[in-house]
Amino acid sequence: MARRSGSTIQEELYSRPDESAREELDDARLLDLDIEKESPFLRAQKRVPARRSPFPRKTATRLLWALLAIALAALGAIGAAGLYQYGEHSWRFRLQSSDDIEMAGLGNVTRGQVMEVMGGDIGRNVFFIPLDQRQKQLQQIPWVASASVMRFSPNRIKIQIHERTPVAFARTGSKVLLIDAGGTLMDLSSKKKYSFPVVVGMNAGEPLSTRAARMKIYNDLVRELDSGGGHYSQDLSEVDLSDPEDVKVLANDADGEVLVHLGSSNYLDRFKIYVAHLREWRQQFQKLESVDLRYERQIIVNPDLRGVERQPALSPAVVRAAMSAGVKPAALVKREPVKVPPAAAAKPAASKPVQKTRWRKRWAPTKRAAKPAPHAVSPSTSKSPVTPQKPSPAVMKGQGTQ
């Protein structure tokens, strides 16, 4: 069998077209070649129709998260409203009794004083109690320096009290109270006994700023007297602050109380002069009532106290309460200046000189014919009626002792 050549096979597979069909085929091939030369990737650049969203993809994602957050917030608001309604009307959040109010720091402040402020909240929802307002009301109690009111669920209130620290007794009219360093007056304590002096010259009706200024003088006085380990403030029964320029203290003594004028400064130095000369003055004067140490280089013994303001008498109940709180008896005694009878001042006896009142004696050297003795002192013997006069020079500081 004869083998067919390639040309024979092609002729058998493809019939020979006519001349016109062959030309059309050649033109079509040429057209396809031109298209491929112009853009070999024309099929890849052809756009495929796609369905578009009205929002960009990033914007749509943000909107989705926003809607989700709004939904969660709405659910949270609904839950919070439900809890609020439950907390407002549920009996679990109401103060049933005073046992639900816990108090701490009570010393001189009584539970009854606190309940006067908080008693109106019994039976009230714990979440509707105005804590700030109750705190301010508690701080109006004289003994309360500061207070804090805290709320604990489900139905508990805790109150923490910080009390004031008294530094002295204060006599205001016919009452004896306690007073702190800032001038706040407090009732006497029945739970503790103090050993303070009594401050006079205070008025319960005066502004707190006025009392605070006077208490600053008292604090300075006590600080100076206690400096150096002397603790002289423990020897005082009374401190008179009615005149800021003349602070007067009533000093304790086994032979009697002595009123000492200390002026407005150098309290410690002047009080040491009193302590150093006290025994000598006791020997020279039959009755030692007061000493004026305000003036430089002179000391006046038993000055005129006619102008001292009289304190109202204290009732027996007030005296008992004051003594039980620690007030020294000398500060509760009513003292009045002794006045000279007019007849005795006008017509003195011829045999002996007129004796002045115990308030008018001065400590001064007695002039003798030969040589003045600077350490001898004697009362003045003037026959004229007693009249107020300026302090005259007397004994120099340090000359009263040998």
Protein backbone atom coordinates (compact mmCIF):
# COMPACT_ATOMS: atom_id res chain seq x y z
CA MET A 1 0.00 0.00 0.00
CA ALA A 2 1.45 3.26 -1.05
CA ARG A 3 2.07 5.87 1.65
CA ARG A 4 0.31 9.09 1.27
CA SER A 5 2.24 12.31 1.46
CA GLY A 6 1.32 15.34 3.58
CA SER A 7 0.02 17.31 0.69
CA THR A 8 -2.32 14.50 -0.31
CA ILE A 9 -3.74 14.32 3.19
CA GLN A 10 -4.32 18.03 3.27
CA GLU A 11 -6.07 17.93 -0.04
CA GLU A 12 -8.33 15.17 1.18
CA LEU A 13 -9.14 16.94 4.44
CA TYR A 14 -9.68 20.37 3.03
CA SER A 15 -11.40 20.75 -0.26
CA ARG A 16 -10.09 23.47 -2.45
CA PRO A 17 -12.38 26.47 -2.28
CA ASP A 18 -12.99 28.64 -5.07
CA GLU A 19 -11.00 31.76 -5.75
CA SER A 20 -13.44 34.25 -4.16
CA ALA A 21 -13.84 32.34 -0.89
CA ARG A 22 -10.10 32.08 -0.54
CA GLU A 23 -9.69 35.84 -0.84
CA GLU A 24 -12.25 36.48 1.90
CA LEU A 25 -10.45 34.05 4.14
CA ASP A 26 -7.17 35.83 3.57
CA ASP A 27 -8.76 39.20 4.37
CA ALA A 28 -10.16 37.87 7.62
CA ARG A 29 -6.79 36.52 8.69
CA LEU A 30 -5.15 39.82 7.94
CA LEU A 31 -7.78 41.62 10.03
CA ASP A 32 -7.16 39.30 12.97
CA LEU A 33 -3.44 39.87 12.76
CA ASP A 34 -3.92 43.65 12.75
CA ILE A 35 -6.10 43.48 15.87
CA GLU A 36 -3.53 41.35 17.66
CA LYS A 37 -0.78 43.81 16.77
CA GLU A 38 -2.73 46.79 18.06
CA SER A 39 -3.67 45.25 21.47
CA PRO A 40 -2.48 41.76 22.24
CA PHE A 41 -4.31 42.01 25.69
CA LEU A 42 -7.64 43.30 24.37
CA ARG A 43 -9.58 40.37 25.79
CA ALA A 44 -8.15 40.93 29.29
CA GLN A 45 -9.09 44.64 29.31
CA LYS A 46 -12.68 44.01 28.59
CA ARG A 47 -14.86 45.13 31.55
CA VAL A 48 -17.06 42.58 33.19
CA PRO A 49 -20.44 43.96 34.23
CA ALA A 50 -20.84 43.88 38.13
CA ARG A 51 -23.59 44.87 40.60
CA ARG A 52 -22.63 47.97 42.65
CA SER A 53 -23.73 48.98 46.26
CA PRO A 54 -25.08 52.53 46.93
CA PHE A 55 -22.28 53.02 49.66
CA PRO A 56 -18.58 52.27 49.52
CA ARG A 57 -17.48 49.16 51.28
CA LYS A 58 -15.65 51.07 54.05
CA THR A 59 -18.66 53.32 54.71
CA ALA A 60 -20.96 50.34 54.80
CA THR A 61 -18.74 48.67 57.41
CA ARG A 62 -18.79 51.77 59.58
CA LEU A 63 -22.53 52.04 59.34
CA LEU A 64 -22.85 48.44 60.39
CA TRP A 65 -20.72 48.98 63.49
CA ALA A 66 -22.64 52.15 64.32
CA LEU A 67 -25.96 50.34 64.13
CA LEU A 68 -24.56 47.59 66.33
CA ALA A 69 -23.36 50.14 68.94
CA ILE A 70 -26.75 51.86 68.93
CA ALA A 71 -28.46 48.56 69.47
CA LEU A 72 -26.18 47.72 72.39
CA ALA A 73 -26.68 51.16 73.92
CA ALA A 74 -30.43 50.79 73.63
CA LEU A 75 -30.26 47.43 75.35
CA GLY A 76 -28.07 48.91 78.10
CA ALA A 77 -30.47 51.83 78.59
CA ILE A 78 -33.37 49.46 78.87
CA GLY A 79 -31.46 47.38 81.41
CA ALA A 80 -30.42 50.45 83.41
CA ALA A 81 -33.98 51.73 83.47
CA GLY A 82 -35.11 48.39 84.74
CA LEU A 83 -32.47 48.39 87.47
CA TYR A 84 -33.37 51.96 88.43
CA GLN A 85 -37.01 51.05 88.78
CA TYR A 86 -36.06 48.04 90.83
CA GLY A 87 -33.69 49.99 93.06
CA GLU A 88 -36.23 52.78 93.56
CA HIS A 89 -39.13 50.61 94.61
CA SER A 90 -37.48 47.55 96.14
CA TRP A 91 -37.59 47.22 99.92
CA ARG A 92 -34.04 45.86 99.91
CA PHE A 93 -32.60 49.37 99.44
CA ARG A 94 -34.44 51.12 102.28
CA LEU A 95 -33.12 52.00 105.73
CA GLN A 96 -35.25 49.84 107.95
CA SER A 97 -34.02 51.19 111.32
CA SER A 98 -31.17 53.01 113.05
CA ASP A 99 -29.30 49.70 113.13
CA ASP A 100 -28.61 50.20 109.42
CA ILE A 101 -26.62 53.39 110.26
CA GLU A 102 -23.09 52.59 111.37
CA MET A 103 -21.23 55.25 113.37
CA ALA A 104 -17.53 55.46 114.15
CA GLY A 105 -15.40 57.97 116.05
CA LEU A 106 -18.01 58.90 118.65
CA GLY A 107 -16.52 60.18 121.87
CA ASN A 108 -18.16 63.31 123.19
CA VAL A 109 -20.67 63.30 120.33
CA THR A 110 -23.62 61.14 121.29
CA ARG A 111 -25.51 58.78 119.02
CA GLY A 112 -28.64 60.78 119.75
CA GLN A 113 -27.09 63.93 118.26
CA VAL A 114 -26.26 62.03 115.09
CA MET A 115 -29.73 60.53 114.88
CA GLU A 116 -31.24 64.02 115.12
CA VAL A 117 -29.66 64.60 111.72
CA MET A 118 -30.14 61.15 110.19
CA GLY A 119 -33.43 60.16 111.84
CA GLY A 120 -35.54 61.56 109.01
CA ASP A 121 -33.96 59.12 106.56
CA ILE A 122 -35.32 56.01 108.28
CA GLY A 123 -37.57 54.24 105.78
CA ARG A 124 -36.06 56.15 102.87
CA ASN A 125 -34.31 54.66 99.89
CA VAL A 126 -30.58 54.64 100.53
CA PHE A 127 -29.85 55.98 97.03
CA PHE A 128 -31.96 59.10 97.60
CA ILE A 129 -30.30 60.25 100.83
CA PRO A 130 -28.37 63.53 100.14
CA LEU A 131 -24.99 62.62 101.58
CA ASP A 132 -23.40 66.08 101.12
CA GLN A 133 -26.26 67.79 102.91
CA ARG A 134 -26.14 65.32 105.79
CA GLN A 135 -22.38 65.84 106.08
CA LYS A 136 -22.81 69.61 106.43
CA GLN A 137 -25.55 69.12 109.03
CA LEU A 138 -23.34 66.81 111.09
CA GLN A 139 -20.53 69.36 111.04
CA GLN A 140 -22.89 71.86 112.70
CA ILE A 141 -22.65 69.82 115.92
CA PRO A 142 -20.18 71.77 118.12
CA TRP A 143 -18.01 68.77 118.96
CA VAL A 144 -17.70 67.64 115.32
CA ALA A 145 -14.61 68.91 113.50
CA SER A 146 -15.31 66.93 110.31
CA ALA A 147 -17.61 64.13 109.22
CA SER A 148 -17.95 61.78 106.28
CA VAL A 149 -21.13 59.97 105.21
CA MET A 150 -20.78 56.91 102.96
CA ARG A 151 -23.39 54.74 101.24
CA PHE A 152 -23.06 50.96 101.16
CA SER A 153 -25.43 48.67 99.27
CA PRO A 154 -27.93 47.36 99.70
CA ASN A 155 -29.18 49.45 102.65
CA ARG A 156 -26.27 50.61 104.83
CA ILE A 157 -24.99 54.09 105.78
CA LYS A 158 -21.63 54.57 107.50
CA ILE A 159 -20.74 57.81 109.33
CA GLN A 160 -17.18 58.65 110.39
CA ILE A 161 -16.84 61.44 112.97
CA HIS A 162 -13.65 63.38 113.82
CA GLU A 163 -14.10 65.34 117.03
CA ARG A 164 -12.54 68.63 118.07
CA THR A 165 -9.72 68.80 120.61
CA PRO A 166 -10.40 71.19 123.51
CA VAL A 167 -7.51 73.28 124.86
CA ALA A 168 -9.21 75.25 127.66
CA PHE A 169 -12.40 75.90 129.58
CA ALA A 170 -14.29 79.05 128.68
CA ARG A 171 -16.57 81.03 130.96
CA THR A 172 -19.29 82.80 128.99
CA GLY A 173 -21.78 84.54 131.22
CA SER A 174 -23.24 82.04 133.66
CA LYS A 175 -21.94 78.99 131.77
CA VAL A 176 -18.69 77.08 131.68
CA LEU A 177 -17.87 75.42 128.36
CA LEU A 178 -14.93 73.87 126.58
CA ILE A 179 -13.18 75.66 123.73
CA ASP A 180 -10.76 74.50 121.04
CA ALA A 181 -7.78 76.29 119.53
CA GLY A 182 -9.96 77.87 116.84
CA GLY A 183 -12.48 79.42 119.26
CA THR A 184 -15.35 76.92 118.86
CA LEU A 185 -17.34 76.48 122.08
CA MET A 186 -18.39 72.97 123.14
CA ASP A 187 -20.44 71.52 125.97
CA LEU A 188 -18.64 70.02 128.94
CA SER A 189 -17.68 66.40 128.55
CA SER A 190 -19.02 63.82 130.97
CA LYS A 191 -16.64 61.12 129.70
CA LYS A 192 -13.27 62.78 130.31
CA LYS A 193 -11.74 65.09 132.90
CA TYR A 194 -9.40 67.86 131.78
CA SER A 195 -6.88 70.06 133.61
CA PHE A 196 -7.18 73.27 131.60
CA PRO A 197 -7.32 76.84 132.87
CA VAL A 198 -10.53 78.79 132.46
CA VAL A 199 -10.49 81.49 129.79
CA VAL A 200 -12.57 84.58 130.58
CA GLY A 201 -13.36 87.48 128.33
CA MET A 202 -15.26 85.34 125.81
CA ASN A 203 -18.79 85.91 124.60
CA ALA A 204 -20.92 83.21 123.02
CA GLY A 205 -22.66 85.79 120.85
CA GLU A 206 -19.52 87.27 119.31
CA PRO A 207 -18.26 86.12 115.88
CA LEU A 208 -16.08 83.07 115.67
CA SER A 209 -13.30 85.17 114.15
CA THR A 210 -13.14 87.29 117.32
CA ARG A 211 -12.87 84.27 119.56
CA ALA A 212 -10.29 82.75 117.22
CA ALA A 213 -8.10 85.86 117.54
CA ARG A 214 -8.26 85.69 121.32
CA MET A 215 -7.52 81.99 121.34
CA LYS A 216 -4.42 82.70 119.27
CA ILE A 217 -3.18 84.83 122.17
CA TYR A 218 -3.99 81.99 124.56
CA ASN A 219 -2.13 79.47 122.40
CA ASP A 220 0.92 81.71 122.29
CA LEU A 221 0.78 82.15 126.06
CA VAL A 222 0.60 78.41 126.77
CA ARG A 223 3.31 77.63 124.24
CA GLU A 224 5.71 80.13 125.82
CA LEU A 225 4.98 79.07 129.40
CA ASP A 226 5.51 75.40 128.53
CA SER A 227 8.68 75.96 126.51
CA GLY A 228 11.94 74.90 128.07
CA GLY A 229 10.29 72.17 130.14
CA GLY A 230 8.80 74.57 132.71
CA HIS A 231 5.15 73.63 132.13
CA TYR A 232 4.02 76.76 133.95
CA SER A 233 0.62 76.61 132.26
CA GLN A 234 -0.34 73.84 134.68
CA ASP A 235 -0.09 76.38 137.52
CA LEU A 236 -2.80 78.59 136.02
CA SER A 237 -6.42 78.53 137.12
CA GLU A 238 -7.68 81.33 134.90
CA VAL A 239 -6.58 83.37 131.88
CA ASP A 240 -8.26 86.71 131.25
CA LEU A 241 -8.26 87.67 127.54
CA SER A 242 -10.69 90.57 127.75
CA ASP A 243 -7.84 93.01 127.02
CA PRO A 244 -5.39 91.74 124.35
CA GLU A 245 -2.81 94.27 125.55
CA ASP A 246 -2.95 93.01 129.13
CA VAL A 247 -3.18 89.24 129.47
CA LYS A 248 -3.90 88.39 133.10
CA VAL A 249 -3.42 84.94 134.60
CA LEU A 250 -4.57 83.60 137.96
CA ALA A 251 -1.67 81.57 139.32
CA ASN A 252 -2.15 78.73 141.77
CA ASP A 253 -0.45 78.99 145.12
CA ALA A 254 -0.80 77.10 148.38
CA ASP A 255 -1.23 80.40 150.27
CA GLY A 256 -3.80 81.78 147.84
CA GLU A 257 -4.34 82.71 144.23
CA VAL A 258 -2.42 85.63 142.73
CA LEU A 259 -3.51 87.60 139.66
CA VAL A 260 -0.49 88.33 137.47
CA HIS A 261 -0.48 90.92 134.69
CA LEU A 262 1.72 89.68 131.83
CA GLY A 263 1.02 92.31 129.18
CA SER A 264 1.04 91.25 125.53
CA SER A 265 4.50 89.71 125.09
CA ASN A 266 7.44 88.08 126.90
CA TYR A 267 5.04 85.92 128.88
CA LEU A 268 7.66 83.42 130.02
CA ASP A 269 10.21 85.98 131.21
CA ARG A 270 7.62 87.92 133.17
CA PHE A 271 6.14 84.83 134.74
CA LYS A 272 9.60 83.70 135.86
CA ILE A 273 9.97 87.03 137.69
CA TYR A 274 6.74 86.26 139.53
CA VAL A 275 7.95 82.78 140.47
CA ALA A 276 11.33 84.08 141.66
CA HIS A 277 9.88 86.82 143.92
CA LEU A 278 6.70 85.17 145.15
CA ARG A 279 8.07 84.03 148.55
CA GLU A 280 9.61 87.41 149.23
CA TRP A 281 6.36 89.20 148.42
CA ARG A 282 4.50 86.85 150.73
CA GLN A 283 6.78 87.85 153.58
CA GLN A 284 6.56 91.59 152.91
CA PHE A 285 2.81 91.88 152.37
CA GLN A 286 0.11 90.62 154.64
CA LYS A 287 -2.14 89.79 151.70
CA LEU A 288 -0.76 89.33 148.21
CA GLU A 289 -3.57 89.70 145.70
CA SER A 290 -2.02 90.73 142.37
CA VAL A 291 1.21 91.68 140.66
CA ASP A 292 1.61 93.87 137.60
CA LEU A 293 4.64 92.94 135.48
CA ARG A 294 3.78 94.82 132.32
CA TYR A 295 6.21 97.70 132.73
CA GLU A 296 9.91 97.65 132.15
CA ARG A 297 12.19 97.94 135.20
CA GLN A 298 9.33 98.22 137.69
CA ILE A 299 6.92 95.89 139.46
CA ILE A 300 3.62 96.93 141.03
CA VAL A 301 2.28 94.76 143.82
CA ASN A 302 -1.47 94.73 144.49
CA PRO A 303 -2.49 97.28 141.83
CA ASP A 304 -5.97 98.78 141.76
CA LEU A 305 -8.43 96.28 140.24
CA ARG A 306 -11.49 98.43 140.71
CA GLY A 307 -12.21 98.35 137.00
CA VAL A 308 -12.26 94.55 136.70
CA GLU A 309 -15.41 93.31 135.02
CA ARG A 310 -17.55 91.25 137.34
CA GLN A 311 -18.48 87.78 136.23
CA PRO A 312 -22.06 86.57 136.73
CA ALA A 313 -22.53 84.13 139.57
CA LEU A 314 -22.63 80.46 138.63
CA SER A 315 -25.47 78.22 139.68
CA PRO A 316 -24.69 75.23 141.92
CA ALA A 317 -25.45 72.83 139.07
CA VAL A 318 -23.00 74.60 136.78
CA VAL A 319 -20.34 74.61 139.49
CA ARG A 320 -20.77 70.88 140.08
CA ALA A 321 -20.61 70.09 136.37
CA ALA A 322 -17.54 72.30 135.92
CA MET A 323 -15.69 70.74 138.84
CA SER A 324 -16.50 67.23 137.62
CA ALA A 325 -15.04 68.21 134.22
CA GLY A 326 -11.80 69.35 135.84
CA VAL A 327 -12.24 73.10 136.43
CA LYS A 328 -10.12 74.30 139.35
CA PRO A 329 -12.17 75.74 142.24
CA ALA A 330 -10.24 79.02 142.20
CA ALA A 331 -11.63 79.82 138.75
CA LEU A 332 -15.21 79.40 140.00
CA VAL A 333 -14.96 81.86 142.89
CA LYS A 334 -16.50 85.25 142.32
CA ARG A 335 -13.90 87.93 143.08
CA GLU A 336 -14.78 91.57 143.63
CA PRO A 337 -12.42 94.47 144.26
CA VAL A 338 -12.41 95.95 147.74
CA LYS A 339 -13.46 99.57 147.91
CA VAL A 340 -12.22 102.11 150.45
CA PRO A 341 -14.98 103.44 152.72
CA PRO A 342 -15.38 107.19 152.18
CA ALA A 343 -15.31 107.94 155.94
CA ALA A 344 -12.04 106.11 156.43
CA ALA A 345 -10.49 107.97 153.52
CA ALA A 346 -11.70 111.37 154.66
CA LYS A 347 -11.09 111.13 158.42
CA PRO A 348 -8.11 108.95 159.20
CA ALA A 349 -7.15 108.24 162.78
CA ALA A 350 -4.54 110.59 164.20
CA SER A 351 -2.51 107.90 165.90
CA LYS A 352 -1.81 105.75 162.84
CA PRO A 353 -1.72 106.32 159.09
CA VAL A 354 -4.59 105.37 156.85
CA GLN A 355 -4.26 101.81 155.54
CA LYS A 356 -5.01 101.60 151.87
CA THR A 357 -6.99 98.78 150.38
CA ARG A 358 -5.22 95.60 149.55
CA TRP A 359 -5.46 96.52 145.86
CA ARG A 360 -3.56 99.81 146.30
CA LYS A 361 -0.32 98.60 147.86
CA ARG A 362 2.77 99.21 145.85
CA TRP A 363 6.07 97.44 146.13
CA ALA A 364 8.63 100.27 146.43
CA PRO A 365 11.69 101.01 148.55
CA THR A 366 11.12 102.89 151.79
CA LYS A 367 13.07 106.13 152.14
CA ARG A 368 14.90 106.47 155.43
CA ALA A 369 16.79 109.41 156.93
CA ALA A 370 20.21 107.85 156.71
CA LYS A 371 20.50 105.58 153.67
CA PRO A 372 17.76 104.22 151.51
CA ALA A 373 17.36 100.48 151.77
CA PRO A 374 16.45 99.18 148.32
CA HIS A 375 15.18 95.82 149.64
CA ALA A 376 12.79 97.16 152.26
CA VAL A 377 9.26 97.71 151.04
CA SER A 378 6.26 99.17 152.80
CA PRO A 379 2.81 100.28 151.72
CA SER A 380 2.19 103.91 150.90
CA THR A 381 0.59 106.01 153.66
CA SER A 382 -0.96 108.86 151.72
CA LYS A 383 -3.99 110.48 153.40
CA SER A 384 -5.70 111.50 150.20
CA PRO A 385 -8.64 109.46 148.86
CA VAL A 386 -7.76 106.58 146.61
CA THR A 387 -7.74 107.64 142.97
CA PRO A 388 -6.45 105.86 139.87
CA GLN A 389 -2.92 106.95 138.96
CA LYS A 390 -0.14 105.92 136.67
CA PRO A 391 2.35 103.36 137.99
CA SER A 392 5.30 105.03 139.61
CA PRO A 393 8.87 103.70 139.41
CA ALA A 394 9.43 100.95 141.91
CA VAL A 395 11.96 98.18 142.43
CA MET A 396 14.23 97.27 139.57
CA LYS A 397 14.06 93.79 138.15
CA GLY A 398 16.07 91.36 140.22
CA GLN A 399 16.38 93.64 143.29
CA GLY A 400 13.75 91.83 145.28
CA THR A 401 15.94 88.84 146.09
CA GLN A 402 19.33 88.54 147.63
